[in-house]
Amino acid sequence: MRTVMPTVIRSALTADAPALAALHARARATYYPEGLPDEAVDGTAMWRAGVERRGGHVLCAVREGRIVGLASFRTPDGEAADTVTLFQFHVDPDHWRAGVGAALHAACVEEWRADGIREATLDVHRENTRAQAFYARHGWREAEPGEGADTHLRMRLSVPAGE
């Protein structure tokens, strides 16, 4: 019998940027079979900036000392203070269906609730039906189309009030 190590959710550190970039590329490659559209982007620099961005937050899921999931969210400029946008949410494909995504999602919702967030939005690639099903299982619903509606589906979550 194989023992599954627990998933630890923590805030990402600047030093995590290379691991975050590698995970981001690996997960996105599963729904861009022709190759990632922004291969020229330095993923490490992008994730370093994301971790250091004021007003944003990057959570990572760690198992056996390795980052196996990530979530990046913030309230975009000009948006209501009680809303948040989930910009990135990825789980290492080797850890799909192992509870990592559910644990990471629960940590996001817990933080949003504690911060007084009432509504979250995200855009998911239209061809990424696996992610769409995951989000739907966690209460996300299709919302009005946003930018890039031809390639992405906008989804919305009403964040449940704290107890």
C-alpha atoms as a PDB file:
ATOM      1  CA  MET A   1       0.000   0.000   0.000  1.00  0.00           C
ATOM      2  CA  ARG A   2       1.387   3.376  -1.027  1.00  0.00           C
ATOM      3  CA  THR A   3       1.233   6.181   1.502  1.00  0.00           C
ATOM      4  CA  VAL A   4       0.225   9.532   0.028  1.00  0.00           C
ATOM      5  CA  MET A   5       2.109  12.415   1.516  1.00  0.00           C
ATOM      6  CA  PRO A   6      -0.016  15.359   2.657  1.00  0.00           C
ATOM      7  CA  THR A   7      -0.207  18.496   0.571  1.00  0.00           C
ATOM      8  CA  VAL A   8       1.164  21.587   2.289  1.00  0.00           C
ATOM      9  CA  ILE A   9      -0.162  24.916   1.009  1.00  0.00           C
ATOM     10  CA  ARG A  10       2.050  27.951   1.578  1.00  0.00           C
ATOM     11  CA  SER A  11       2.786  31.369   0.138  1.00  0.00           C
ATOM     12  CA  ALA A  12       5.303  31.221  -2.686  1.00  0.00           C
ATOM     13  CA  LEU A  13       8.728  32.750  -2.162  1.00  0.00           C
ATOM     14  CA  THR A  14      10.878  34.582  -4.684  1.00  0.00           C
ATOM     15  CA  ALA A  15      13.265  31.610  -4.616  1.00  0.00           C
ATOM     16  CA  ASP A  16      10.391  29.407  -5.867  1.00  0.00           C
ATOM     17  CA  ALA A  17      10.207  31.271  -9.216  1.00  0.00           C
ATOM     18  CA  PRO A  18      12.150  28.674 -11.278  1.00  0.00           C
ATOM     19  CA  ALA A  19       9.993  25.814  -9.954  1.00  0.00           C
ATOM     20  CA  LEU A  20       6.799  27.837 -10.518  1.00  0.00           C
ATOM     21  CA  ALA A  21       7.864  28.619 -14.101  1.00  0.00           C
ATOM     22  CA  ALA A  22       8.635  24.964 -14.839  1.00  0.00           C
ATOM     23  CA  LEU A  23       5.309  23.798 -13.394  1.00  0.00           C
ATOM     24  CA  HIS A  24       3.424  26.528 -15.278  1.00  0.00           C
ATOM     25  CA  ALA A  25       4.961  25.470 -18.601  1.00  0.00           C
ATOM     26  CA  ARG A  26       4.433  21.756 -17.969  1.00  0.00           C
ATOM     27  CA  ALA A  27       0.766  22.150 -17.000  1.00  0.00           C
ATOM     28  CA  ARG A  28      -0.054  24.544 -19.850  1.00  0.00           C
ATOM     29  CA  ALA A  29       1.542  22.221 -22.397  1.00  0.00           C
ATOM     30  CA  THR A  30      -1.284  19.744 -21.741  1.00  0.00           C
ATOM     31  CA  TYR A  31      -3.832  22.028 -23.384  1.00  0.00           C
ATOM     32  CA  TYR A  32      -1.553  23.614 -25.996  1.00  0.00           C
ATOM     33  CA  PRO A  33      -0.561  20.472 -27.937  1.00  0.00           C
ATOM     34  CA  GLU A  34       1.010  22.583 -30.705  1.00  0.00           C
ATOM     35  CA  GLY A  35       3.293  24.285 -28.181  1.00  0.00           C
ATOM     36  CA  LEU A  36       2.961  27.194 -25.812  1.00  0.00           C
ATOM     37  CA  PRO A  37       2.094  30.470 -27.555  1.00  0.00           C
ATOM     38  CA  ASP A  38       4.487  32.575 -25.456  1.00  0.00           C
ATOM     39  CA  GLU A  39       7.594  30.383 -25.428  1.00  0.00           C
ATOM     40  CA  ALA A  40       9.865  33.439 -25.678  1.00  0.00           C
ATOM     41  CA  VAL A  41       8.668  34.726 -22.295  1.00  0.00           C
ATOM     42  CA  ASP A  42      11.123  34.217 -19.451  1.00  0.00           C
ATOM     43  CA  GLY A  43       8.865  32.284 -17.099  1.00  0.00           C
ATOM     44  CA  THR A  44      11.207  32.602 -14.133  1.00  0.00           C
ATOM     45  CA  ALA A  45      11.240  36.412 -14.381  1.00  0.00           C
ATOM     46  CA  MET A  46       7.449  36.436 -14.802  1.00  0.00           C
ATOM     47  CA  TRP A  47       6.921  34.314 -11.677  1.00  0.00           C
ATOM     48  CA  ARG A  48       9.486  36.265  -9.674  1.00  0.00           C
ATOM     49  CA  ALA A  49       7.550  39.453 -10.505  1.00  0.00           C
ATOM     50  CA  GLY A  50       4.269  37.716  -9.657  1.00  0.00           C
ATOM     51  CA  VAL A  51       5.488  36.641  -6.228  1.00  0.00           C
ATOM     52  CA  GLU A  52       6.848  40.118  -5.495  1.00  0.00           C
ATOM     53  CA  ARG A  53       3.806  42.027  -6.846  1.00  0.00           C
ATOM     54  CA  ARG A  54       2.095  44.177  -4.257  1.00  0.00           C
ATOM     55  CA  GLY A  55      -1.572  43.396  -3.869  1.00  0.00           C
ATOM     56  CA  GLY A  56      -1.263  39.933  -5.325  1.00  0.00           C
ATOM     57  CA  HIS A  57      -0.673  36.534  -3.880  1.00  0.00           C
ATOM     58  CA  VAL A  58       0.831  33.293  -5.127  1.00  0.00           C
ATOM     59  CA  LEU A  59       0.109  30.105  -3.217  1.00  0.00           C
ATOM     60  CA  CYS A  60       1.912  26.862  -3.899  1.00  0.00           C
ATOM     61  CA  ALA A  61       1.088  23.273  -3.075  1.00  0.00           C
ATOM     62  CA  VAL A  62       4.052  21.224  -1.885  1.00  0.00           C
ATOM     63  CA  ARG A  63       4.368  17.453  -1.621  1.00  0.00           C
ATOM     64  CA  GLU A  64       7.530  15.697  -0.519  1.00  0.00           C
ATOM     65  CA  GLY A  65       9.431  18.986  -0.781  1.00  0.00           C
ATOM     66  CA  ARG A  66       8.410  19.625  -4.407  1.00  0.00           C
ATOM     67  CA  ILE A  67       6.016  22.286  -5.719  1.00  0.00           C
ATOM     68  CA  VAL A  68       3.169  20.401  -7.405  1.00  0.00           C
ATOM     69  CA  GLY A  69       0.548  23.140  -7.673  1.00  0.00           C
ATOM     70  CA  LEU A  70       0.233  26.920  -7.844  1.00  0.00           C
ATOM     71  CA  ALA A  71      -2.432  29.611  -7.716  1.00  0.00           C
ATOM     72  CA  SER A  72      -1.922  33.293  -8.498  1.00  0.00           C
ATOM     73  CA  PHE A  73      -4.626  35.864  -7.770  1.00  0.00           C
ATOM     74  CA  ARG A  74      -5.163  39.550  -7.107  1.00  0.00           C
ATOM     75  CA  THR A  75      -7.715  42.329  -7.346  1.00  0.00           C
ATOM     76  CA  PRO A  76      -7.035  44.002 -10.706  1.00  0.00           C
ATOM     77  CA  ASP A  77      -6.708  47.769 -10.862  1.00  0.00           C
ATOM     78  CA  GLY A  78     -10.092  49.439 -11.145  1.00  0.00           C
ATOM     79  CA  GLU A  79     -12.012  46.464  -9.742  1.00  0.00           C
ATOM     80  CA  ALA A  80     -14.046  46.441  -6.545  1.00  0.00           C
ATOM     81  CA  ALA A  81     -12.021  45.636  -3.434  1.00  0.00           C
ATOM     82  CA  ASP A  82     -14.264  42.656  -2.659  1.00  0.00           C
ATOM     83  CA  THR A  83     -13.464  40.885  -5.946  1.00  0.00           C
ATOM     84  CA  VAL A  84     -10.454  38.862  -6.996  1.00  0.00           C
ATOM     85  CA  THR A  85      -9.246  37.382 -10.262  1.00  0.00           C
ATOM     86  CA  LEU A  86      -7.612  33.968 -10.303  1.00  0.00           C
ATOM     87  CA  PHE A  87      -4.997  34.449 -13.027  1.00  0.00           C
ATOM     88  CA  GLN A  88      -3.167  31.122 -12.818  1.00  0.00           C
ATOM     89  CA  PHE A  89      -4.120  27.797 -11.286  1.00  0.00           C
ATOM     90  CA  HIS A  90      -2.035  24.772 -12.226  1.00  0.00           C
ATOM     91  CA  VAL A  91      -1.360  21.314 -10.863  1.00  0.00           C
ATOM     92  CA  ASP A  92       1.530  19.178 -12.068  1.00  0.00           C
ATOM     93  CA  PRO A  93      -0.008  16.600 -14.462  1.00  0.00           C
ATOM     94  CA  ASP A  94       1.689  13.801 -12.483  1.00  0.00           C
ATOM     95  CA  HIS A  95      -0.481  14.860  -9.512  1.00  0.00           C
ATOM     96  CA  TRP A  96      -3.854  15.249 -11.216  1.00  0.00           C
ATOM     97  CA  ARG A  97      -6.744  13.556  -9.419  1.00  0.00           C
ATOM     98  CA  ALA A  98      -4.693  13.247  -6.218  1.00  0.00           C
ATOM     99  CA  GLY A  99      -6.349  16.004  -4.174  1.00  0.00           C
ATOM    100  CA  VAL A 100      -3.721  18.690  -4.847  1.00  0.00           C
ATOM    101  CA  GLY A 101      -6.073  20.932  -6.826  1.00  0.00           C
ATOM    102  CA  ALA A 102      -8.868  20.552  -4.285  1.00  0.00           C
ATOM    103  CA  ALA A 103      -6.526  21.436  -1.398  1.00  0.00           C
ATOM    104  CA  LEU A 104      -5.123  24.423  -3.293  1.00  0.00           C
ATOM    105  CA  HIS A 105      -8.590  25.652  -4.276  1.00  0.00           C
ATOM    106  CA  ALA A 106      -9.818  25.342  -0.685  1.00  0.00           C
ATOM    107  CA  ALA A 107      -6.832  27.402   0.509  1.00  0.00           C
ATOM    108  CA  CYS A 108      -7.635  30.110  -2.052  1.00  0.00           C
ATOM    109  CA  VAL A 109     -11.274  30.282  -0.971  1.00  0.00           C
ATOM    110  CA  GLU A 110     -10.256  30.355   2.703  1.00  0.00           C
ATOM    111  CA  GLU A 111      -7.901  33.286   2.072  1.00  0.00           C
ATOM    112  CA  TRP A 112     -10.487  35.130  -0.042  1.00  0.00           C
ATOM    113  CA  ARG A 113     -13.101  34.690   2.679  1.00  0.00           C
ATOM    114  CA  ALA A 114     -10.694  35.989   5.332  1.00  0.00           C
ATOM    115  CA  ASP A 115      -9.923  39.010   3.119  1.00  0.00           C
ATOM    116  CA  GLY A 116     -13.614  39.851   2.650  1.00  0.00           C
ATOM    117  CA  ILE A 117     -13.704  38.795  -1.006  1.00  0.00           C
ATOM    118  CA  ARG A 118     -17.242  38.128  -2.199  1.00  0.00           C
ATOM    119  CA  GLU A 119     -16.651  37.184  -5.811  1.00  0.00           C
ATOM    120  CA  ALA A 120     -13.861  35.593  -7.844  1.00  0.00           C
ATOM    121  CA  THR A 121     -13.453  35.379 -11.600  1.00  0.00           C
ATOM    122  CA  LEU A 122     -11.159  33.478 -13.924  1.00  0.00           C
ATOM    123  CA  ASP A 123     -10.708  32.848 -17.622  1.00  0.00           C
ATOM    124  CA  VAL A 124     -10.073  29.247 -18.677  1.00  0.00           C
ATOM    125  CA  HIS A 125      -8.933  28.086 -22.101  1.00  0.00           C
ATOM    126  CA  ARG A 126     -11.994  26.824 -24.025  1.00  0.00           C
ATOM    127  CA  GLU A 127     -10.222  23.610 -25.013  1.00  0.00           C
ATOM    128  CA  ASN A 128      -9.232  22.889 -21.404  1.00  0.00           C
ATOM    129  CA  THR A 129     -12.333  20.894 -20.548  1.00  0.00           C
ATOM    130  CA  ARG A 130     -10.536  19.138 -17.677  1.00  0.00           C
ATOM    131  CA  ALA A 131     -10.045  22.476 -15.885  1.00  0.00           C
ATOM    132  CA  GLN A 132     -13.592  23.608 -16.678  1.00  0.00           C
ATOM    133  CA  ALA A 133     -14.966  20.442 -15.057  1.00  0.00           C
ATOM    134  CA  PHE A 134     -12.710  20.962 -12.010  1.00  0.00           C
ATOM    135  CA  TYR A 135     -13.920  24.527 -11.547  1.00  0.00           C
ATOM    136  CA  ALA A 136     -17.575  23.514 -12.008  1.00  0.00           C
ATOM    137  CA  ARG A 137     -17.181  20.842  -9.292  1.00  0.00           C
ATOM    138  CA  HIS A 138     -15.928  23.600  -6.990  1.00  0.00           C
ATOM    139  CA  GLY A 139     -18.874  25.936  -7.565  1.00  0.00           C
ATOM    140  CA  TRP A 140     -17.655  28.089 -10.462  1.00  0.00           C
ATOM    141  CA  ARG A 141     -20.254  28.982 -13.089  1.00  0.00           C
ATOM    142  CA  GLU A 142     -20.009  30.397 -16.592  1.00  0.00           C
ATOM    143  CA  ALA A 143     -20.202  34.199 -16.614  1.00  0.00           C
ATOM    144  CA  GLU A 144     -20.493  36.920 -19.229  1.00  0.00           C
ATOM    145  CA  PRO A 145     -17.752  36.718 -21.859  1.00  0.00           C
ATOM    146  CA  GLY A 146     -14.588  38.679 -21.190  1.00  0.00           C
ATOM    147  CA  GLU A 147     -11.641  39.635 -23.329  1.00  0.00           C
ATOM    148  CA  GLY A 148     -10.536  36.807 -25.580  1.00  0.00           C
ATOM    149  CA  ALA A 149     -13.963  35.132 -25.474  1.00  0.00           C
ATOM    150  CA  ASP A 150     -13.141  33.275 -28.682  1.00  0.00           C
ATOM    151  CA  THR A 151     -10.391  31.305 -26.895  1.00  0.00           C
ATOM    152  CA  HIS A 152     -11.367  31.573 -23.206  1.00  0.00           C
ATOM    153  CA  LEU A 153     -14.432  30.963 -21.083  1.00  0.00           C
ATOM    154  CA  ARG A 154     -15.075  33.363 -18.193  1.00  0.00           C
ATOM    155  CA  MET A 155     -16.186  31.727 -14.945  1.00  0.00           C
ATOM    156  CA  ARG A 156     -17.353  33.248 -11.653  1.00  0.00           C
ATOM    157  CA  LEU A 157     -17.479  32.003  -8.058  1.00  0.00           C
ATOM    158  CA  SER A 158     -19.548  33.519  -5.267  1.00  0.00           C
ATOM    159  CA  VAL A 159     -17.241  33.206  -2.288  1.00  0.00           C
ATOM    160  CA  PRO A 160     -19.210  31.815   0.649  1.00  0.00           C
ATOM    161  CA  ALA A 161     -19.349  34.055   3.691  1.00  0.00           C
ATOM    162  CA  GLY A 162     -17.233  33.158   6.706  1.00  0.00           C
ATOM    163  CA  GLU A 163     -18.713  31.499   9.740  1.00  0.00           C
END
